[in-house]
Amino acid sequence: MALRGGFLHRLLLGAIILATTSASQKDSGCERTCGSVNIPYPFGSSEGCYLDPNFLISCRKNVKIPSTLTPYMGNENVEVLNTGKRFPHKIASSKK
C-alpha cells in the first residue's frame, strides 16, 4: 500500500512540474511589471498571461499620482502591493 501511495505522489508531483513548465513557457511574451511591482505567473495583466480570471491584474494610473501605474486585482479597487512567493506582510488594501 505504501508503494502505491508513493507512486501517486510522484505522479502528481510530475504533473504539477509539467503544468508549471508549460505555463511559464506560454506566457513568455507577457508584460511582467506594473509600476514597480513584479507580476509573475500565475498572475498576469493580459489575455493568455494569467492562470484564470481570478489572477488578472489590472495595471491602471494611480489616482493620487497620475504618472504612476498601479496594479489592482481584476477590475476591483484592491491594490496589489506585492506578488512575491512568500507573503509575510499585507499584500493588498481596499480603496473605497
PDB file of N, CA and C in Angstrom:
ATOM      1  N   MET A   1       0.810  -1.185   0.000  1.00  0.00           N
ATOM      2  CA  MET A   1       0.000   0.000   0.000  1.00  0.00           C
ATOM      3  C   MET A   1       0.863   1.262   0.000  1.00  0.00           C
ATOM      4  N   ALA A   2       1.988   1.261   0.718  1.00  0.00           N
ATOM      5  CA  ALA A   2       2.872   2.422   0.761  1.00  0.00           C
ATOM      6  C   ALA A   2       3.482   2.682  -0.613  1.00  0.00           C
ATOM      7  N   LEU A   3       3.775   1.622  -1.351  1.00  0.00           N
ATOM      8  CA  LEU A   3       4.334   1.767  -2.688  1.00  0.00           C
ATOM      9  C   LEU A   3       3.340   2.488  -3.597  1.00  0.00           C
ATOM     10  N   ARG A   4       2.084   2.120  -3.507  1.00  0.00           N
ATOM     11  CA  ARG A   4       1.050   2.730  -4.339  1.00  0.00           C
ATOM     12  C   ARG A   4       0.909   4.222  -4.029  1.00  0.00           C
ATOM     13  N   GLY A   5       0.903   4.586  -2.765  1.00  0.00           N
ATOM     14  CA  GLY A   5       0.801   5.985  -2.364  1.00  0.00           C
ATOM     15  C   GLY A   5       2.006   6.787  -2.842  1.00  0.00           C
ATOM     16  N   GLY A   6       3.182   6.194  -2.764  1.00  0.00           N
ATOM     17  CA  GLY A   6       4.397   6.869  -3.237  1.00  0.00           C
ATOM     18  C   GLY A   6       4.348   7.111  -4.734  1.00  0.00           C
ATOM     19  N   PHE A   7       3.834   6.150  -5.474  1.00  0.00           N
ATOM     20  CA  PHE A   7       3.721   6.289  -6.928  1.00  0.00           C
ATOM     21  C   PHE A   7       2.764   7.423  -7.273  1.00  0.00           C
ATOM     22  N   LEU A   8       1.611   7.459  -6.602  1.00  0.00           N
ATOM     23  CA  LEU A   8       0.638   8.514  -6.865  1.00  0.00           C
ATOM     24  C   LEU A   8       1.197   9.887  -6.508  1.00  0.00           C
ATOM     25  N   HIS A   9       1.954   9.941  -5.427  1.00  0.00           N
ATOM     26  CA  HIS A   9       2.578  11.191  -5.014  1.00  0.00           C
ATOM     27  C   HIS A   9       3.559  11.674  -6.081  1.00  0.00           C
ATOM     28  N   ARG A  10       4.400  10.791  -6.595  1.00  0.00           N
ATOM     29  CA  ARG A  10       5.361  11.151  -7.647  1.00  0.00           C
ATOM     30  C   ARG A  10       4.650  11.528  -8.935  1.00  0.00           C
ATOM     31  N   LEU A  11       3.571  10.830  -9.258  1.00  0.00           N
ATOM     32  CA  LEU A  11       2.807  11.129 -10.461  1.00  0.00           C
ATOM     33  C   LEU A  11       2.191  12.532 -10.366  1.00  0.00           C
ATOM     34  N   LEU A  12       1.617  12.863  -9.225  1.00  0.00           N
ATOM     35  CA  LEU A  12       1.036  14.180  -9.012  1.00  0.00           C
ATOM     36  C   LEU A  12       2.121  15.260  -9.072  1.00  0.00           C
ATOM     37  N   LEU A  13       3.245  15.031  -8.446  1.00  0.00           N
ATOM     38  CA  LEU A  13       4.350  15.979  -8.465  1.00  0.00           C
ATOM     39  C   LEU A  13       4.834  16.213  -9.902  1.00  0.00           C
ATOM     40  N   GLY A  14       4.943  15.139 -10.682  1.00  0.00           N
ATOM     41  CA  GLY A  14       5.343  15.263 -12.083  1.00  0.00           C
ATOM     42  C   GLY A  14       4.354  16.082 -12.886  1.00  0.00           C
ATOM     43  N   ALA A  15       3.071  15.872 -12.649  1.00  0.00           N
ATOM     44  CA  ALA A  15       2.036  16.624 -13.350  1.00  0.00           C
ATOM     45  C   ALA A  15       2.113  18.111 -13.003  1.00  0.00           C
ATOM     46  N   ILE A  16       2.380  18.421 -11.748  1.00  0.00           N
ATOM     47  CA  ILE A  16       2.499  19.823 -11.324  1.00  0.00           C
ATOM     48  C   ILE A  16       3.709  20.470 -11.984  1.00  0.00           C
ATOM     49  N   ILE A  17       4.823  19.767 -12.012  1.00  0.00           N
ATOM     50  CA  ILE A  17       6.032  20.310 -12.653  1.00  0.00           C
ATOM     51  C   ILE A  17       5.791  20.534 -14.136  1.00  0.00           C
ATOM     52  N   LEU A  18       5.163  19.583 -14.794  1.00  0.00           N
ATOM     53  CA  LEU A  18       4.865  19.712 -16.217  1.00  0.00           C
ATOM     54  C   LEU A  18       3.939  20.905 -16.476  1.00  0.00           C
ATOM     55  N   ALA A  19       2.909  21.058 -15.678  1.00  0.00           N
ATOM     56  CA  ALA A  19       1.969  22.165 -15.843  1.00  0.00           C
ATOM     57  C   ALA A  19       2.658  23.504 -15.615  1.00  0.00           C
ATOM     58  N   THR A  20       3.513  23.572 -14.615  1.00  0.00           N
ATOM     59  CA  THR A  20       4.234  24.805 -14.312  1.00  0.00           C
ATOM     60  C   THR A  20       5.188  25.163 -15.435  1.00  0.00           C
ATOM     61  N   THR A  21       5.894  24.181 -15.963  1.00  0.00           N
ATOM     62  CA  THR A  21       6.839  24.412 -17.047  1.00  0.00           C
ATOM     63  C   THR A  21       6.133  24.888 -18.296  1.00  0.00           C
ATOM     64  N   SER A  22       5.051  24.229 -18.682  1.00  0.00           N
ATOM     65  CA  SER A  22       4.331  24.637 -19.885  1.00  0.00           C
ATOM     66  C   SER A  22       3.668  25.991 -19.694  1.00  0.00           C
ATOM     67  N   ALA A  23       3.196  26.278 -18.496  1.00  0.00           N
ATOM     68  CA  ALA A  23       2.562  27.568 -18.234  1.00  0.00           C
ATOM     69  C   ALA A  23       3.580  28.691 -18.313  1.00  0.00           C
ATOM     70  N   SER A  24       4.785  28.483 -17.797  1.00  0.00           N
ATOM     71  CA  SER A  24       5.787  29.544 -17.825  1.00  0.00           C
ATOM     72  C   SER A  24       6.277  29.787 -19.245  1.00  0.00           C
ATOM     73  N   GLN A  25       6.278  28.764 -20.095  1.00  0.00           N
ATOM     74  CA  GLN A  25       6.661  28.950 -21.484  1.00  0.00           C
ATOM     75  C   GLN A  25       5.556  29.674 -22.245  1.00  0.00           C
ATOM     76  N   LYS A  26       4.317  29.421 -21.909  1.00  0.00           N
ATOM     77  CA  LYS A  26       3.164  30.009 -22.573  1.00  0.00           C
ATOM     78  C   LYS A  26       3.159  31.531 -22.460  1.00  0.00           C
ATOM     79  N   ASP A  27       3.556  32.065 -21.317  1.00  0.00           N
ATOM     80  CA  ASP A  27       3.431  33.495 -21.098  1.00  0.00           C
ATOM     81  C   ASP A  27       4.737  34.258 -21.318  1.00  0.00           C
ATOM     82  N   SER A  28       5.657  33.743 -22.112  1.00  0.00           N
ATOM     83  CA  SER A  28       6.954  34.386 -22.271  1.00  0.00           C
ATOM     84  C   SER A  28       6.875  35.769 -22.911  1.00  0.00           C
ATOM     85  N   GLY A  29       5.799  36.101 -23.636  1.00  0.00           N
ATOM     86  CA  GLY A  29       5.666  37.412 -24.254  1.00  0.00           C
ATOM     87  C   GLY A  29       4.824  38.379 -23.446  1.00  0.00           C
ATOM     88  N   CYS A  30       4.529  38.047 -22.207  1.00  0.00           N
ATOM     89  CA  CYS A  30       3.632  38.859 -21.380  1.00  0.00           C
ATOM     90  C   CYS A  30       4.396  39.937 -20.615  1.00  0.00           C
ATOM     91  N   GLU A  31       3.713  41.064 -20.401  1.00  0.00           N
ATOM     92  CA  GLU A  31       4.274  42.143 -19.574  1.00  0.00           C
ATOM     93  C   GLU A  31       4.309  41.641 -18.132  1.00  0.00           C
ATOM     94  N   ARG A  32       5.449  41.735 -17.476  1.00  0.00           N
ATOM     95  CA  ARG A  32       5.615  41.170 -16.143  1.00  0.00           C
ATOM     96  C   ARG A  32       5.853  42.201 -15.056  1.00  0.00           C
ATOM     97  N   THR A  33       5.596  43.473 -15.350  1.00  0.00           N
ATOM     98  CA  THR A  33       5.684  44.508 -14.317  1.00  0.00           C
ATOM     99  C   THR A  33       4.534  45.495 -14.490  1.00  0.00           C
ATOM    100  N   CYS A  34       4.172  46.124 -13.393  1.00  0.00           N
ATOM    101  CA  CYS A  34       3.203  47.222 -13.406  1.00  0.00           C
ATOM    102  C   CYS A  34       3.718  48.216 -12.386  1.00  0.00           C
ATOM    103  N   GLY A  35       4.155  49.360 -12.849  1.00  0.00           N
ATOM    104  CA  GLY A  35       4.813  50.296 -11.946  1.00  0.00           C
ATOM    105  C   GLY A  35       6.077  49.647 -11.418  1.00  0.00           C
ATOM    106  N   SER A  36       6.223  49.580 -10.113  1.00  0.00           N
ATOM    107  CA  SER A  36       7.408  48.959  -9.512  1.00  0.00           C
ATOM    108  C   SER A  36       7.133  47.545  -8.990  1.00  0.00           C
ATOM    109  N   VAL A  37       5.958  46.977  -9.330  1.00  0.00           N
ATOM    110  CA  VAL A  37       5.570  45.653  -8.833  1.00  0.00           C
ATOM    111  C   VAL A  37       5.788  44.598  -9.916  1.00  0.00           C
ATOM    112  N   ASN A  38       6.529  43.531  -9.576  1.00  0.00           N
ATOM    113  CA  ASN A  38       6.698  42.396 -10.485  1.00  0.00           C
ATOM    114  C   ASN A  38       5.413  41.582 -10.502  1.00  0.00           C
ATOM    115  N   ILE A  39       5.046  41.074 -11.692  1.00  0.00           N
ATOM    116  CA  ILE A  39       3.828  40.279 -11.828  1.00  0.00           C
ATOM    117  C   ILE A  39       4.204  38.908 -12.395  1.00  0.00           C
ATOM    118  N   PRO A  40       4.527  37.942 -11.523  1.00  0.00           N
ATOM    119  CA  PRO A  40       4.898  36.605 -12.002  1.00  0.00           C
ATOM    120  C   PRO A  40       3.660  35.757 -12.310  1.00  0.00           C
ATOM    121  N   TYR A  41       3.824  34.757 -13.168  1.00  0.00           N
ATOM    122  CA  TYR A  41       2.756  33.790 -13.412  1.00  0.00           C
ATOM    123  C   TYR A  41       2.489  33.072 -12.099  1.00  0.00           C
ATOM    124  N   PRO A  42       1.281  32.824 -11.683  1.00  0.00           N
ATOM    125  CA  PRO A  42       0.032  32.722 -12.419  1.00  0.00           C
ATOM    126  C   PRO A  42      -0.715  34.035 -12.588  1.00  0.00           C
ATOM    127  N   PHE A  43      -0.161  35.169 -12.077  1.00  0.00           N
ATOM    128  CA  PHE A  43      -0.790  36.462 -12.282  1.00  0.00           C
ATOM    129  C   PHE A  43      -0.451  36.967 -13.674  1.00  0.00           C
ATOM    130  N   GLY A  44      -1.242  37.877 -14.195  1.00  0.00           N
ATOM    131  CA  GLY A  44      -0.966  38.460 -15.492  1.00  0.00           C
ATOM    132  C   GLY A  44      -1.929  39.597 -15.768  1.00  0.00           C
ATOM    133  N   SER A  45      -1.535  40.458 -16.720  1.00  0.00           N
ATOM    134  CA  SER A  45      -2.348  41.644 -16.991  1.00  0.00           C
ATOM    135  C   SER A  45      -3.012  41.630 -18.369  1.00  0.00           C
ATOM    136  N   SER A  46      -2.828  40.557 -19.135  1.00  0.00           N
ATOM    137  CA  SER A  46      -3.489  40.475 -20.442  1.00  0.00           C
ATOM    138  C   SER A  46      -3.901  39.032 -20.735  1.00  0.00           C
ATOM    139  N   GLU A  47      -4.845  38.897 -21.646  1.00  0.00           N
ATOM    140  CA  GLU A  47      -5.405  37.582 -22.010  1.00  0.00           C
ATOM    141  C   GLU A  47      -4.282  36.598 -22.359  1.00  0.00           C
ATOM    142  N   GLY A  48      -4.349  35.404 -21.790  1.00  0.00           N
ATOM    143  CA  GLY A  48      -3.353  34.373 -22.043  1.00  0.00           C
ATOM    144  C   GLY A  48      -2.127  34.456 -21.148  1.00  0.00           C
ATOM    145  N   CYS A  49      -2.073  35.467 -20.304  1.00  0.00           N
ATOM    146  CA  CYS A  49      -0.910  35.657 -19.431  1.00  0.00           C
ATOM    147  C   CYS A  49      -1.178  35.310 -17.973  1.00  0.00           C
ATOM    148  N   TYR A  50      -2.428  34.994 -17.626  1.00  0.00           N
ATOM    149  CA  TYR A  50      -2.764  34.620 -16.257  1.00  0.00           C
ATOM    150  C   TYR A  50      -3.443  33.260 -16.251  1.00  0.00           C
ATOM    151  N   LEU A  51      -3.389  32.582 -15.099  1.00  0.00           N
ATOM    152  CA  LEU A  51      -3.936  31.234 -14.960  1.00  0.00           C
ATOM    153  C   LEU A  51      -5.431  31.202 -15.241  1.00  0.00           C
ATOM    154  N   ASP A  52      -6.194  32.061 -14.598  1.00  0.00           N
ATOM    155  CA  ASP A  52      -7.630  32.200 -14.839  1.00  0.00           C
ATOM    156  C   ASP A  52      -8.029  33.597 -14.392  1.00  0.00           C
ATOM    157  N   PRO A  53      -9.260  34.029 -14.654  1.00  0.00           N
ATOM    158  CA  PRO A  53      -9.659  35.408 -14.333  1.00  0.00           C
ATOM    159  C   PRO A  53      -9.423  35.835 -12.883  1.00  0.00           C
ATOM    160  N   ASN A  54      -9.335  34.895 -11.958  1.00  0.00           N
ATOM    161  CA  ASN A  54      -9.050  35.252 -10.565  1.00  0.00           C
ATOM    162  C   ASN A  54      -7.646  35.811 -10.377  1.00  0.00           C
ATOM    163  N   PHE A  55      -6.757  35.586 -11.351  1.00  0.00           N
ATOM    164  CA  PHE A  55      -5.375  36.035 -11.264  1.00  0.00           C
ATOM    165  C   PHE A  55      -5.100  37.243 -12.163  1.00  0.00           C
ATOM    166  N   LEU A  56      -6.154  37.854 -12.711  1.00  0.00           N
ATOM    167  CA  LEU A  56      -5.999  39.024 -13.560  1.00  0.00           C
ATOM    168  C   LEU A  56      -5.548  40.228 -12.740  1.00  0.00           C
ATOM    169  N   ILE A  57      -4.526  40.911 -13.232  1.00  0.00           N
ATOM    170  CA  ILE A  57      -4.039  42.143 -12.625  1.00  0.00           C
ATOM    171  C   ILE A  57      -4.328  43.276 -13.606  1.00  0.00           C
ATOM    172  N   SER A  58      -5.052  44.305 -13.156  1.00  0.00           N
ATOM    173  CA  SER A  58      -5.306  45.485 -13.987  1.00  0.00           C
ATOM    174  C   SER A  58      -4.256  46.536 -13.645  1.00  0.00           C
ATOM    175  N   CYS A  59      -3.530  46.986 -14.647  1.00  0.00           N
ATOM    176  CA  CYS A  59      -2.498  47.995 -14.450  1.00  0.00           C
ATOM    177  C   CYS A  59      -3.108  49.348 -14.846  1.00  0.00           C
ATOM    178  N   ARG A  60      -3.343  50.195 -13.824  1.00  0.00           N
ATOM    179  CA  ARG A  60      -4.021  51.470 -14.077  1.00  0.00           C
ATOM    180  C   ARG A  60      -3.231  52.632 -13.487  1.00  0.00           C
ATOM    181  N   LYS A  61      -3.554  53.819 -13.963  1.00  0.00           N
ATOM    182  CA  LYS A  61      -2.917  55.027 -13.422  1.00  0.00           C
ATOM    183  C   LYS A  61      -3.323  55.208 -11.971  1.00  0.00           C
ATOM    184  N   ASN A  62      -2.357  55.606 -11.163  1.00  0.00           N
ATOM    185  CA  ASN A  62      -2.595  55.878  -9.756  1.00  0.00           C
ATOM    186  C   ASN A  62      -3.420  57.152  -9.622  1.00  0.00           C
ATOM    187  N   VAL A  63      -4.472  57.115  -8.808  1.00  0.00           N
ATOM    188  CA  VAL A  63      -5.360  58.266  -8.634  1.00  0.00           C
ATOM    189  C   VAL A  63      -4.614  59.451  -8.023  1.00  0.00           C
ATOM    190  N   LYS A  64      -3.752  59.182  -7.063  1.00  0.00           N
ATOM    191  CA  LYS A  64      -3.025  60.254  -6.379  1.00  0.00           C
ATOM    192  C   LYS A  64      -1.838  60.767  -7.193  1.00  0.00           C
ATOM    193  N   ILE A  65      -1.187  59.855  -7.953  1.00  0.00           N
ATOM    194  CA  ILE A  65      -0.018  60.222  -8.761  1.00  0.00           C
ATOM    195  C   ILE A  65      -0.258  59.714 -10.183  1.00  0.00           C
ATOM    196  N   PRO A  66      -0.922  60.485 -11.039  1.00  0.00           N
ATOM    197  CA  PRO A  66      -1.322  60.027 -12.368  1.00  0.00           C
ATOM    198  C   PRO A  66      -0.185  59.523 -13.259  1.00  0.00           C
ATOM    199  N   SER A  67       1.040  59.945 -13.001  1.00  0.00           N
ATOM    200  CA  SER A  67       2.163  59.487 -13.829  1.00  0.00           C
ATOM    201  C   SER A  67       2.655  58.095 -13.414  1.00  0.00           C
ATOM    202  N   THR A  68       2.077  57.523 -12.365  1.00  0.00           N
ATOM    203  CA  THR A  68       2.487  56.218 -11.844  1.00  0.00           C
ATOM    204  C   THR A  68       1.439  55.155 -12.146  1.00  0.00           C
ATOM    205  N   LEU A  69       1.891  53.993 -12.640  1.00  0.00           N
ATOM    206  CA  LEU A  69       0.984  52.860 -12.848  1.00  0.00           C
ATOM    207  C   LEU A  69       0.900  52.043 -11.574  1.00  0.00           C
ATOM    208  N   THR A  70      -0.305  51.565 -11.269  1.00  0.00           N
ATOM    209  CA  THR A  70      -0.548  50.788 -10.053  1.00  0.00           C
ATOM    210  C   THR A  70      -1.319  49.524 -10.403  1.00  0.00           C
ATOM    211  N   PRO A  71      -0.894  48.354  -9.885  1.00  0.00           N
ATOM    212  CA  PRO A  71      -1.619  47.107 -10.151  1.00  0.00           C
ATOM    213  C   PRO A  71      -2.801  46.913  -9.190  1.00  0.00           C
ATOM    214  N   TYR A  72      -3.915  46.436  -9.744  1.00  0.00           N
ATOM    215  CA  TYR A  72      -5.110  46.122  -8.966  1.00  0.00           C
ATOM    216  C   TYR A  72      -5.564  44.711  -9.312  1.00  0.00           C
ATOM    217  N   MET A  73      -6.198  44.030  -8.372  1.00  0.00           N
ATOM    218  CA  MET A  73      -6.752  42.700  -8.622  1.00  0.00           C
ATOM    219  C   MET A  73      -7.979  42.845  -9.514  1.00  0.00           C
ATOM    220  N   GLY A  74      -7.918  42.277 -10.720  1.00  0.00           N
ATOM    221  CA  GLY A  74      -9.039  42.314 -11.648  1.00  0.00           C
ATOM    222  C   GLY A  74      -9.538  43.723 -11.873  1.00  0.00           C
ATOM    223  N   ASN A  75     -10.832  43.892 -11.848  1.00  0.00           N
ATOM    224  CA  ASN A  75     -11.440  45.211 -12.018  1.00  0.00           C
ATOM    225  C   ASN A  75     -11.853  45.821 -10.686  1.00  0.00           C
ATOM    226  N   GLU A  76     -11.367  45.235  -9.607  1.00  0.00           N
ATOM    227  CA  GLU A  76     -11.690  45.713  -8.259  1.00  0.00           C
ATOM    228  C   GLU A  76     -10.772  46.865  -7.874  1.00  0.00           C
ATOM    229  N   ASN A  77     -11.074  47.504  -6.777  1.00  0.00           N
ATOM    230  CA  ASN A  77     -10.218  48.561  -6.241  1.00  0.00           C
ATOM    231  C   ASN A  77      -9.335  48.026  -5.131  1.00  0.00           C
ATOM    232  N   VAL A  78      -8.798  46.836  -5.311  1.00  0.00           N
ATOM    233  CA  VAL A  78      -7.879  46.237  -4.342  1.00  0.00           C
ATOM    234  C   VAL A  78      -6.479  46.333  -4.934  1.00  0.00           C
ATOM    235  N   GLU A  79      -5.692  47.244  -4.379  1.00  0.00           N
ATOM    236  CA  GLU A  79      -4.346  47.495  -4.884  1.00  0.00           C
ATOM    237  C   GLU A  79      -3.413  46.358  -4.503  1.00  0.00           C
ATOM    238  N   VAL A  80      -2.615  45.908  -5.465  1.00  0.00           N
ATOM    239  CA  VAL A  80      -1.627  44.855  -5.224  1.00  0.00           C
ATOM    240  C   VAL A  80      -0.336  45.534  -4.794  1.00  0.00           C
ATOM    241  N   LEU A  81       0.154  45.158  -3.612  1.00  0.00           N
ATOM    242  CA  LEU A  81       1.367  45.755  -3.085  1.00  0.00           C
ATOM    243  C   LEU A  81       2.591  44.882  -3.308  1.00  0.00           C
ATOM    244  N   ASN A  82       2.364  43.553  -3.443  1.00  0.00           N
ATOM    245  CA  ASN A  82       3.468  42.618  -3.579  1.00  0.00           C
ATOM    246  C   ASN A  82       2.925  41.311  -4.138  1.00  0.00           C
ATOM    247  N   THR A  83       3.646  40.698  -5.081  1.00  0.00           N
ATOM    248  CA  THR A  83       3.240  39.392  -5.607  1.00  0.00           C
ATOM    249  C   THR A  83       4.341  38.366  -5.409  1.00  0.00           C
ATOM    250  N   GLY A  84       5.159  38.545  -4.373  1.00  0.00           N
ATOM    251  CA  GLY A  84       6.252  37.630  -4.104  1.00  0.00           C
ATOM    252  C   GLY A  84       5.763  36.233  -3.772  1.00  0.00           C
ATOM    253  N   LYS A  85       6.694  35.278  -3.767  1.00  0.00           N
ATOM    254  CA  LYS A  85       6.346  33.891  -3.466  1.00  0.00           C
ATOM    255  C   LYS A  85       5.997  33.697  -2.006  1.00  0.00           C
ATOM    256  N   ARG A  86       6.541  34.527  -1.146  1.00  0.00           N
ATOM    257  CA  ARG A  86       6.214  34.458   0.278  1.00  0.00           C
ATOM    258  C   ARG A  86       5.404  35.684   0.631  1.00  0.00           C
ATOM    259  N   PHE A  87       4.469  35.535   1.508  1.00  0.00           N
ATOM    260  CA  PHE A  87       3.590  36.644   1.851  1.00  0.00           C
ATOM    261  C   PHE A  87       3.671  36.955   3.342  1.00  0.00           C
ATOM    262  N   PRO A  88       4.821  37.464   3.821  1.00  0.00           N
ATOM    263  CA  PRO A  88       4.935  37.737   5.248  1.00  0.00           C
ATOM    264  C   PRO A  88       4.214  39.009   5.679  1.00  0.00           C
ATOM    265  N   HIS A  89       3.842  39.854   4.725  1.00  0.00           N
ATOM    266  CA  HIS A  89       3.226  41.131   5.034  1.00  0.00           C
ATOM    267  C   HIS A  89       1.912  41.284   4.286  1.00  0.00           C
ATOM    268  N   LYS A  90       1.193  42.331   4.591  1.00  0.00           N
ATOM    269  CA  LYS A  90      -0.052  42.643   3.891  1.00  0.00           C
ATOM    270  C   LYS A  90       0.240  42.822   2.400  1.00  0.00           C
ATOM    271  N   ILE A  91      -0.550  42.176   1.538  1.00  0.00           N
ATOM    272  CA  ILE A  91      -0.288  42.258   0.108  1.00  0.00           C
ATOM    273  C   ILE A  91      -1.320  43.075  -0.648  1.00  0.00           C
ATOM    274  N   ALA A  92      -2.391  43.483  -0.007  1.00  0.00           N
ATOM    275  CA  ALA A  92      -3.418  44.255  -0.709  1.00  0.00           C
ATOM    276  C   ALA A  92      -4.142  45.166   0.255  1.00  0.00           C
ATOM    277  N   SER A  93      -4.699  46.239  -0.294  1.00  0.00           N
ATOM    278  CA  SER A  93      -5.522  47.122   0.520  1.00  0.00           C
ATOM    279  C   SER A  93      -6.720  47.551  -0.309  1.00  0.00           C
ATOM    280  N   SER A  94      -7.841  47.732   0.335  1.00  0.00           N
ATOM    281  CA  SER A  94      -9.073  48.111  -0.355  1.00  0.00           C
ATOM    282  C   SER A  94      -9.183  49.623  -0.396  1.00  0.00           C
ATOM    283  N   LYS A  95      -9.414  50.154  -1.599  1.00  0.00           N
ATOM    284  CA  LYS A  95      -9.576  51.590  -1.782  1.00  0.00           C
ATOM    285  C   LYS A  95     -11.053  51.893  -1.971  1.00  0.00           C
ATOM    286  N   LYS A  96     -11.700  52.462  -0.976  1.00  0.00           N
ATOM    287  CA  LYS A  96     -13.141  52.762  -1.085  1.00  0.00           C
ATOM    288  C   LYS A  96     -13.384  54.236  -1.105  1.00  0.00           C
TER     289      LYS A  96
END
